[in-house]
Amino acid sequence: MARKTLSRPVLTLAVLAVIGGGLAYAFWPRPVMVDIGAVTEGPMMLTIDEEGRTRVREAFMVSTPIDGRLLRVEVHPGDPVERGATVVARMRPANPAALDVRTREQAMAAVEAAQAGLRVAEAALRAAQAEADLAQSDLDRTERLAASGTASLAALDRADGAARAAQARLATAQAAIEQRKAELQSAQAQLIGFDDRGLAEALDGQFGDEMPVYAPADGVILRVIEEDETTLPAGAPILEIGDTSDLEVVVELISSDAVTVRRGNPVIVENWGGEGALAGVVTRIDPYGQTKVSALGVEEQRVTVVVALTTPPEQRAGLGHGFAVDARIVVWEADVTRLLPSSALFRESGGWAVLAVEDGRAALRPVVIGPDNGRAAQLLEGLEPGAQVVLYPPADLADGQAVAQRVVQP
């Protein structure tokens, strides 16, 4: 009985000890599982990333030189052309427009007036011719009399002046004939209509059957705007020509980003469809912004930035006009600097701070940073290379609290 009485307290104490140990284990402070990064050294750059599009630096729009009928365009996009040698289009002059009744009557009256004026000028020419002949006869007779001493020198001078004046009037009458003929032709041209086929075809023959349109520059056909045969007014676009070996990239930046860009900034062009990245340089920043609506329906002020591609054409084969690319404009860079993961930063007392990992515990450390590209920030003061910091620190993680590296399951 004594042995059984003694075993009961022992058993009770054992049970209490197990329960107490379990409670102690359950409520014992454990380290917070966090992601940990480190301060490193290396190169860093700050870029402005934006989508862009390529374009030919000097594109030429070929337009119709006259009103007329454009024949079917035989060239196609991608065809090479040579300046002044390749015929890219052919035209025929337009047929004259038909005349309404009133306009036709007015034109016929103008023709009759021009014909009457021509007859008057022809009569004046005959009169001037007769006067010139008479003055010349008087001059010849006076010269003979002056040679024999019968006529005075003054009479000879008067006869000579009268002859020259008559010749001048004759020349004036001849010029008036040419003027009246031109007026008659102009008046007759106003009568040309669809019913005047003979006259229209006669005038059309002066221009030939076709008028060739030559390429204004070397390059390739970028696009054909009018391919089918049609009637167009003067100045209507037909096709576009450019040299795809001389490309540039157009990027539209938000105005606040465009302020930080300078002419001469290097540019990295990615996702263009080929291997590797292309190199470029900023050549122009437009001095005005345009209001554009984003895909989310938000109005933004956008500024156009032009980037010249410096990569040789043979290394970007296949890249043409109007292709989409991603442009990274480098606005700041350093060859070697201290790098702090951007995800470790948070605001503290008006400045920046991190939670460093020291002896397994989180330690609040204020830091001074430079440019931040979203992945890493330049660390100016606060930590040395190799120092460990908590990434994405939880809001409830306090200074001095135990931390441990989170294990990522494969």
Protein backbone atom coordinates (compact mmCIF):
# COMPACT_ATOMS: atom_id res chain seq x y z
CA MET A 1 0.00 0.00 0.00
CA ALA A 2 2.87 2.38 0.80
CA ARG A 3 4.46 1.79 -2.63
CA LYS A 4 1.18 2.51 -4.38
CA THR A 5 0.66 5.68 -2.34
CA LEU A 6 4.08 7.04 -3.24
CA SER A 7 3.75 6.39 -7.02
CA ARG A 8 0.66 8.58 -7.37
CA PRO A 9 2.41 11.94 -6.47
CA VAL A 10 5.31 11.05 -8.73
CA LEU A 11 3.02 10.37 -11.62
CA THR A 12 1.16 13.60 -11.03
CA LEU A 13 4.37 15.64 -10.99
CA ALA A 14 5.49 14.01 -14.20
CA VAL A 15 2.26 14.87 -15.93
CA LEU A 16 2.45 18.48 -14.72
CA ALA A 17 6.04 18.71 -15.92
CA VAL A 18 5.07 17.50 -19.40
CA ILE A 19 2.18 19.93 -19.58
CA GLY A 20 4.36 22.82 -18.41
CA GLY A 21 7.05 21.99 -20.91
CA GLY A 22 4.48 21.89 -23.67
CA LEU A 23 3.06 25.25 -22.67
CA ALA A 24 6.54 26.75 -22.43
CA TYR A 25 7.38 25.45 -25.89
CA ALA A 26 4.13 26.76 -27.32
CA PHE A 27 4.48 30.25 -25.92
CA TRP A 28 8.25 30.59 -26.16
CA PRO A 29 9.17 33.53 -28.51
CA ARG A 30 10.19 32.27 -31.94
CA PRO A 31 12.17 34.21 -34.60
CA VAL A 32 10.11 35.87 -37.39
CA MET A 33 10.63 34.21 -40.76
CA VAL A 34 11.69 36.84 -43.30
CA ASP A 35 13.43 37.20 -46.66
CA ILE A 36 16.97 38.47 -46.27
CA GLY A 37 19.09 40.37 -48.79
CA ALA A 38 22.53 41.93 -48.69
CA VAL A 39 24.30 45.18 -49.48
CA THR A 40 26.51 44.65 -52.52
CA GLU A 41 28.81 46.61 -54.80
CA GLY A 42 28.54 46.86 -58.56
CA PRO A 43 27.41 48.92 -61.52
CA MET A 44 24.05 50.69 -61.47
CA MET A 45 21.98 52.69 -63.89
CA LEU A 46 18.76 54.67 -63.66
CA THR A 47 16.58 54.35 -66.75
CA ILE A 48 13.24 55.60 -67.99
CA ASP A 49 11.49 52.68 -69.64
CA GLU A 50 8.81 53.29 -72.26
CA GLU A 51 7.44 51.71 -75.40
CA GLY A 52 8.46 53.29 -78.71
CA ARG A 53 8.17 52.79 -82.42
CA THR A 54 10.70 52.90 -85.21
CA ARG A 55 10.52 55.19 -88.21
CA VAL A 56 12.65 56.10 -91.20
CA ARG A 57 14.56 59.27 -90.42
CA GLU A 58 13.84 60.82 -93.82
CA ALA A 59 10.61 59.52 -95.37
CA PHE A 60 9.32 60.88 -98.69
CA MET A 61 5.65 61.02 -99.63
CA VAL A 62 5.16 60.77 -103.41
CA SER A 63 2.12 62.79 -104.54
CA THR A 64 0.37 63.40 -107.83
CA PRO A 65 2.00 66.30 -109.73
CA ILE A 66 -1.15 67.23 -111.70
CA ASP A 67 -4.86 66.61 -111.81
CA GLY A 68 -5.30 63.39 -113.73
CA ARG A 69 -5.86 59.69 -113.83
CA LEU A 70 -3.43 57.53 -111.90
CA LEU A 71 -2.69 54.26 -113.67
CA ARG A 72 -2.38 51.09 -111.61
CA VAL A 73 0.71 51.22 -109.39
CA GLU A 74 2.98 48.27 -110.17
CA VAL A 75 5.50 48.65 -107.31
CA HIS A 76 4.96 46.99 -103.92
CA PRO A 77 6.16 47.61 -100.35
CA GLY A 78 9.75 46.47 -99.95
CA ASP A 79 10.74 47.07 -103.59
CA PRO A 80 14.05 48.95 -103.89
CA VAL A 81 13.99 52.26 -105.76
CA GLU A 82 16.66 54.59 -107.13
CA ARG A 83 16.36 58.34 -107.07
CA GLY A 84 15.40 59.84 -110.42
CA ALA A 85 15.59 56.47 -112.20
CA THR A 86 12.83 54.21 -110.87
CA VAL A 87 9.32 54.92 -112.15
CA VAL A 88 6.99 54.40 -109.20
CA ALA A 89 3.75 55.57 -110.85
CA ARG A 90 2.28 56.75 -114.16
CA MET A 91 -0.43 59.34 -114.81
CA ARG A 92 -2.57 60.67 -117.60
CA PRO A 93 -3.76 64.29 -117.61
CA ALA A 94 -7.39 64.68 -116.59
CA ASN A 95 -10.08 65.13 -119.23
CA PRO A 96 -11.49 68.67 -119.33
CA ALA A 97 -14.65 69.19 -117.33
CA ALA A 98 -17.95 69.55 -119.12
CA LEU A 99 -19.33 73.08 -119.41
CA ASP A 100 -22.74 74.25 -118.34
CA VAL A 101 -24.88 76.31 -120.77
CA ARG A 102 -24.07 79.74 -119.36
CA THR A 103 -20.34 79.07 -119.11
CA ARG A 104 -20.30 77.70 -122.64
CA GLU A 105 -22.12 80.75 -124.03
CA GLN A 106 -19.68 83.03 -122.23
CA ALA A 107 -16.76 81.05 -123.63
CA MET A 108 -18.19 81.22 -127.16
CA ALA A 109 -18.63 84.99 -126.82
CA ALA A 110 -15.02 85.27 -125.67
CA VAL A 111 -13.91 83.29 -128.73
CA GLU A 112 -15.86 85.56 -131.07
CA ALA A 113 -14.42 88.64 -129.37
CA ALA A 114 -10.92 87.21 -129.71
CA GLN A 115 -11.51 86.45 -133.37
CA ALA A 116 -12.75 90.01 -133.98
CA GLY A 117 -9.74 91.39 -132.14
CA LEU A 118 -7.47 89.26 -134.32
CA ARG A 119 -9.12 90.63 -137.49
CA VAL A 120 -8.66 94.19 -136.19
CA ALA A 121 -5.02 93.49 -135.48
CA GLU A 122 -4.55 92.00 -138.96
CA ALA A 123 -6.05 95.14 -140.52
CA ALA A 124 -3.80 97.33 -138.39
CA LEU A 125 -0.84 95.22 -139.52
CA ARG A 126 -1.70 95.77 -143.21
CA ALA A 127 -2.02 99.51 -142.60
CA ALA A 128 1.30 99.61 -140.79
CA GLN A 129 2.91 97.62 -143.59
CA ALA A 130 1.65 100.07 -146.23
CA GLU A 131 2.81 103.04 -144.14
CA ALA A 132 6.22 101.47 -143.72
CA ASP A 133 6.53 100.82 -147.45
CA LEU A 134 5.58 104.45 -148.24
CA ALA A 135 8.04 105.82 -145.68
CA GLN A 136 10.80 103.66 -147.11
CA SER A 137 10.08 104.87 -150.67
CA ASP A 138 10.21 108.52 -149.48
CA LEU A 139 13.51 107.81 -147.75
CA ASP A 140 15.03 106.23 -150.87
CA ARG A 141 13.91 109.19 -153.07
CA THR A 142 15.20 111.78 -150.58
CA GLU A 143 18.55 110.02 -150.39
CA ARG A 144 18.92 110.23 -154.20
CA LEU A 145 17.94 113.94 -154.25
CA ALA A 146 20.32 114.69 -151.37
CA ALA A 147 23.13 112.96 -153.26
CA SER A 148 22.54 115.21 -156.29
CA GLY A 149 22.27 118.32 -154.08
CA THR A 150 18.61 118.93 -154.86
CA ALA A 151 17.28 118.02 -151.33
CA SER A 152 18.65 119.41 -148.13
CA LEU A 153 20.12 117.34 -145.32
CA ALA A 154 17.23 118.33 -143.05
CA ALA A 155 14.76 116.80 -145.48
CA LEU A 156 16.87 113.63 -145.52
CA ASP A 157 16.79 113.45 -141.72
CA ARG A 158 13.04 113.89 -141.65
CA ALA A 159 12.55 111.12 -144.19
CA ASP A 160 14.85 108.79 -142.24
CA GLY A 161 12.97 109.43 -138.97
CA ALA A 162 9.62 108.86 -140.64
CA ALA A 163 10.85 105.52 -142.03
CA ARG A 164 12.09 104.32 -138.62
CA ALA A 165 8.80 105.35 -136.96
CA ALA A 166 6.87 103.42 -139.61
CA GLN A 167 8.99 100.33 -138.98
CA ALA A 168 8.31 100.62 -135.22
CA ARG A 169 4.55 100.80 -135.84
CA LEU A 170 4.85 97.77 -138.09
CA ALA A 171 6.63 95.78 -135.32
CA THR A 172 3.92 96.84 -132.85
CA ALA A 173 1.21 95.63 -135.21
CA GLN A 174 3.00 92.28 -135.64
CA ALA A 175 3.25 91.86 -131.85
CA ALA A 176 -0.45 92.65 -131.53
CA ILE A 177 -1.18 89.80 -133.96
CA GLU A 178 0.66 87.30 -131.71
CA GLN A 179 -1.16 88.62 -128.65
CA ARG A 180 -4.55 88.27 -130.33
CA LYS A 181 -3.74 84.73 -131.43
CA ALA A 182 -2.85 83.77 -127.85
CA GLU A 183 -6.09 85.30 -126.58
CA LEU A 184 -8.01 83.31 -129.18
CA GLN A 185 -6.34 80.05 -128.13
CA SER A 186 -7.13 80.77 -124.48
CA ALA A 187 -10.77 81.45 -125.29
CA GLN A 188 -11.00 78.27 -127.38
CA ALA A 189 -9.55 76.23 -124.51
CA GLN A 190 -12.50 77.21 -122.35
CA LEU A 191 -14.79 75.40 -124.80
CA ILE A 192 -13.12 72.03 -124.35
CA GLY A 193 -15.55 69.54 -122.84
CA PHE A 194 -16.47 65.88 -123.01
CA ASP A 195 -18.30 66.56 -126.24
CA ASP A 196 -15.20 68.15 -127.81
CA ARG A 197 -13.31 64.87 -128.12
CA GLY A 198 -11.22 65.90 -131.09
CA LEU A 199 -9.88 69.08 -129.50
CA ALA A 200 -9.36 67.39 -126.13
CA GLU A 201 -7.42 64.53 -127.67
CA ALA A 202 -5.33 66.97 -129.72
CA LEU A 203 -4.31 68.88 -126.60
CA ASP A 204 -3.78 65.64 -124.63
CA GLY A 205 -1.35 64.51 -127.28
CA GLN A 206 0.92 67.42 -126.39
CA PHE A 207 1.62 65.74 -123.04
CA GLY A 208 2.13 62.21 -124.39
CA ASP A 209 0.25 59.06 -123.47
CA GLU A 210 1.65 58.80 -119.93
CA MET A 211 3.44 61.01 -117.43
CA PRO A 212 5.98 59.00 -115.36
CA VAL A 213 6.47 59.77 -111.66
CA TYR A 214 10.04 59.02 -110.51
CA ALA A 215 11.30 58.07 -107.06
CA PRO A 216 12.51 61.20 -105.18
CA ALA A 217 15.11 59.30 -103.12
CA ASP A 218 17.00 56.03 -102.80
CA GLY A 219 15.49 53.38 -100.54
CA VAL A 220 12.51 51.05 -100.57
CA ILE A 221 8.77 51.39 -100.92
CA LEU A 222 7.39 51.68 -97.37
CA ARG A 223 3.69 51.61 -98.23
CA VAL A 224 1.40 52.09 -101.21
CA ILE A 225 -1.56 54.35 -100.48
CA GLU A 226 -3.26 54.32 -103.90
CA GLU A 227 -2.74 51.09 -105.82
CA ASP A 228 -5.73 50.88 -108.14
CA GLU A 229 -6.33 53.04 -111.19
CA THR A 230 -8.27 56.14 -110.16
CA THR A 231 -8.67 59.86 -110.80
CA LEU A 232 -6.89 62.09 -108.28
CA PRO A 233 -6.37 65.83 -107.78
CA ALA A 234 -2.91 67.37 -107.75
CA GLY A 235 -1.10 66.74 -104.46
CA ALA A 236 -2.90 63.50 -103.55
CA PRO A 237 -0.52 60.99 -101.84
CA ILE A 238 0.33 57.85 -103.82
CA LEU A 239 3.04 56.04 -101.86
CA GLU A 240 5.82 56.53 -99.30
CA ILE A 241 9.54 55.91 -99.79
CA GLY A 242 12.32 55.67 -97.21
CA ASP A 243 15.70 54.14 -96.39
CA THR A 244 15.24 51.49 -93.68
CA SER A 245 18.98 51.42 -93.00
CA ASP A 246 18.61 54.88 -91.44
CA LEU A 247 16.12 54.31 -88.60
CA GLU A 248 15.27 56.20 -85.44
CA VAL A 249 13.00 55.43 -82.49
CA VAL A 250 10.20 57.75 -81.36
CA VAL A 251 9.27 57.53 -77.67
CA GLU A 252 6.47 59.48 -75.98
CA LEU A 253 7.41 60.16 -72.35
CA ILE A 254 5.35 61.59 -69.52
CA SER A 255 6.38 65.24 -69.21
CA SER A 256 7.77 64.76 -65.68
CA ASP A 257 10.12 62.03 -67.00
CA ALA A 258 11.04 64.02 -70.12
CA VAL A 259 12.43 66.82 -67.90
CA THR A 260 15.20 64.47 -66.71
CA VAL A 261 16.24 63.42 -70.23
CA ARG A 262 19.07 65.21 -71.99
CA ARG A 263 20.28 65.16 -75.56
CA GLY A 264 23.10 62.63 -75.84
CA ASN A 265 21.75 60.21 -73.19
CA PRO A 266 22.47 56.59 -74.17
CA VAL A 267 19.48 54.37 -74.92
CA ILE A 268 19.07 50.59 -74.76
CA VAL A 269 16.49 49.26 -77.24
CA GLU A 270 15.06 45.87 -76.31
CA ASN A 271 12.30 43.49 -77.44
CA TRP A 272 12.77 44.48 -81.07
CA GLY A 273 12.48 40.90 -82.28
CA GLY A 274 16.13 40.03 -82.78
CA GLU A 275 18.96 38.81 -80.59
CA GLY A 276 20.47 41.11 -77.99
CA ALA A 277 19.75 44.77 -77.42
CA LEU A 278 20.32 47.68 -79.80
CA ALA A 279 22.18 50.86 -78.90
CA GLY A 280 20.95 54.38 -79.48
CA VAL A 281 21.34 57.97 -78.37
CA VAL A 282 18.82 60.74 -77.70
CA THR A 283 18.98 63.29 -80.53
CA ARG A 284 15.91 65.47 -79.94
CA ILE A 285 13.45 66.33 -77.19
CA ASP A 286 10.39 68.22 -78.40
CA PRO A 287 9.86 71.49 -76.50
CA TYR A 288 6.11 71.01 -76.14
CA GLY A 289 3.82 68.37 -74.71
CA GLN A 290 0.67 66.87 -76.14
CA THR A 291 -2.37 65.63 -74.26
CA LYS A 292 -2.77 61.89 -74.77
CA VAL A 293 -5.30 59.49 -73.27
CA SER A 294 -3.82 56.34 -71.73
CA ALA A 295 -5.26 52.83 -72.03
CA LEU A 296 -6.97 53.41 -68.68
CA GLY A 297 -8.68 56.57 -69.97
CA VAL A 298 -6.41 58.97 -68.04
CA GLU A 299 -5.27 62.18 -69.73
CA GLU A 300 -1.49 62.58 -69.71
CA GLN A 301 0.94 65.15 -71.02
CA ARG A 302 3.34 63.35 -73.31
CA VAL A 303 6.58 64.67 -74.82
CA THR A 304 8.11 63.17 -77.97
CA VAL A 305 11.75 62.06 -77.66
CA VAL A 306 13.67 60.96 -80.77
CA VAL A 307 16.41 58.32 -80.48
CA ALA A 308 18.93 57.63 -83.26
CA LEU A 309 19.97 53.98 -83.58
CA THR A 310 23.77 53.59 -83.53
CA THR A 311 23.83 49.82 -84.01
CA PRO A 312 24.93 49.00 -87.60
CA PRO A 313 22.07 48.05 -89.97
CA GLU A 314 23.46 44.55 -90.56
CA GLN A 315 23.01 43.78 -86.84
CA ARG A 316 19.32 44.74 -86.88
CA ALA A 317 18.23 43.05 -90.09
CA GLY A 318 14.47 42.84 -90.46
CA LEU A 319 13.71 45.93 -88.38
CA GLY A 320 11.62 48.31 -90.45
CA HIS A 321 9.42 51.39 -90.33
CA GLY A 322 6.70 51.53 -87.64
CA PHE A 323 7.91 48.53 -85.57
CA ALA A 324 7.24 48.41 -81.80
CA VAL A 325 10.25 48.33 -79.42
CA ASP A 326 11.03 48.93 -75.74
CA ALA A 327 13.37 51.86 -75.07
CA ARG A 328 15.37 52.30 -71.86
CA ILE A 329 16.77 55.82 -71.67
CA VAL A 330 19.76 55.97 -69.31
CA VAL A 331 19.55 59.20 -67.28
CA TRP A 332 22.17 58.24 -64.63
CA GLU A 333 24.76 55.49 -64.22
CA ALA A 334 27.74 54.52 -62.06
CA ASP A 335 30.42 51.92 -62.76
CA VAL A 336 30.87 50.83 -59.10
CA THR A 337 28.71 51.82 -56.14
CA ARG A 338 27.06 50.32 -53.04
CA LEU A 339 23.71 48.76 -53.87
CA LEU A 340 20.84 48.32 -51.44
CA PRO A 341 17.75 46.30 -52.43
CA SER A 342 14.84 48.70 -52.95
CA SER A 343 12.47 46.25 -51.25
CA ALA A 344 14.29 46.75 -47.92
CA LEU A 345 13.58 50.48 -47.70
CA PHE A 346 10.81 52.14 -45.72
CA ARG A 347 10.12 55.60 -44.35
CA GLU A 348 11.14 56.40 -40.78
CA SER A 349 11.10 59.86 -39.09
CA GLY A 350 11.08 61.71 -42.40
CA GLY A 351 13.99 59.74 -43.84
CA TRP A 352 14.81 56.28 -45.16
CA ALA A 353 15.60 53.28 -42.97
CA VAL A 354 16.11 49.51 -43.12
CA LEU A 355 16.00 46.62 -40.69
CA ALA A 356 19.46 45.12 -40.69
CA VAL A 357 20.02 41.54 -39.53
CA GLU A 358 22.62 41.49 -36.73
CA ASP A 359 23.21 38.41 -34.55
CA GLY A 360 19.87 36.98 -35.59
CA ARG A 361 17.90 40.04 -34.63
CA ALA A 362 16.39 42.96 -36.54
CA ALA A 363 18.20 46.25 -36.00
CA LEU A 364 16.71 49.56 -37.16
CA ARG A 365 19.29 51.47 -39.17
CA PRO A 366 18.72 54.86 -40.88
CA VAL A 367 20.31 55.13 -44.34
CA VAL A 368 21.01 57.80 -46.94
CA ILE A 369 20.31 56.76 -50.52
CA GLY A 370 20.85 58.18 -53.99
CA PRO A 371 19.02 57.21 -57.20
CA ASP A 372 16.58 54.31 -57.00
CA ASN A 373 15.69 52.32 -60.12
CA GLY A 374 13.04 50.20 -58.44
CA ARG A 375 15.30 47.15 -58.07
CA ALA A 376 18.21 48.65 -56.18
CA ALA A 377 19.09 52.01 -54.66
CA GLN A 378 22.48 53.66 -54.42
CA LEU A 379 23.56 53.49 -50.76
CA LEU A 380 25.47 56.57 -49.66
CA GLU A 381 25.54 56.15 -45.85
CA GLY A 382 24.35 53.72 -43.21
CA LEU A 383 25.68 50.22 -44.00
CA GLU A 384 28.77 48.56 -45.38
CA PRO A 385 28.97 46.03 -48.22
CA GLY A 386 28.01 42.56 -47.04
CA ALA A 387 25.50 43.75 -44.44
CA GLN A 388 22.25 41.77 -44.41
CA VAL A 389 18.85 43.49 -44.49
CA VAL A 390 15.24 42.34 -44.25
CA LEU A 391 13.39 42.40 -47.56
CA TYR A 392 9.75 43.47 -47.53
CA PRO A 393 9.81 43.98 -43.72
CA PRO A 394 6.47 43.15 -42.04
CA ALA A 395 4.66 46.02 -40.38
CA ASP A 396 4.75 44.23 -36.98
CA LEU A 397 8.49 43.49 -37.07
CA ALA A 398 10.12 45.58 -34.32
CA ASP A 399 13.67 46.64 -33.60
CA GLY A 400 15.50 43.91 -31.66
CA GLN A 401 13.09 41.13 -32.59
CA ALA A 402 14.58 37.76 -33.53
CA VAL A 403 14.46 36.92 -37.25
CA ALA A 404 15.41 33.95 -39.39
CA GLN A 405 15.81 33.28 -43.07
CA ARG A 406 12.65 31.99 -44.70
CA VAL A 407 13.26 28.68 -46.41
CA VAL A 408 11.81 28.53 -49.89
CA GLN A 409 10.36 25.13 -50.68
CA PRO A 410 11.52 23.79 -54.06
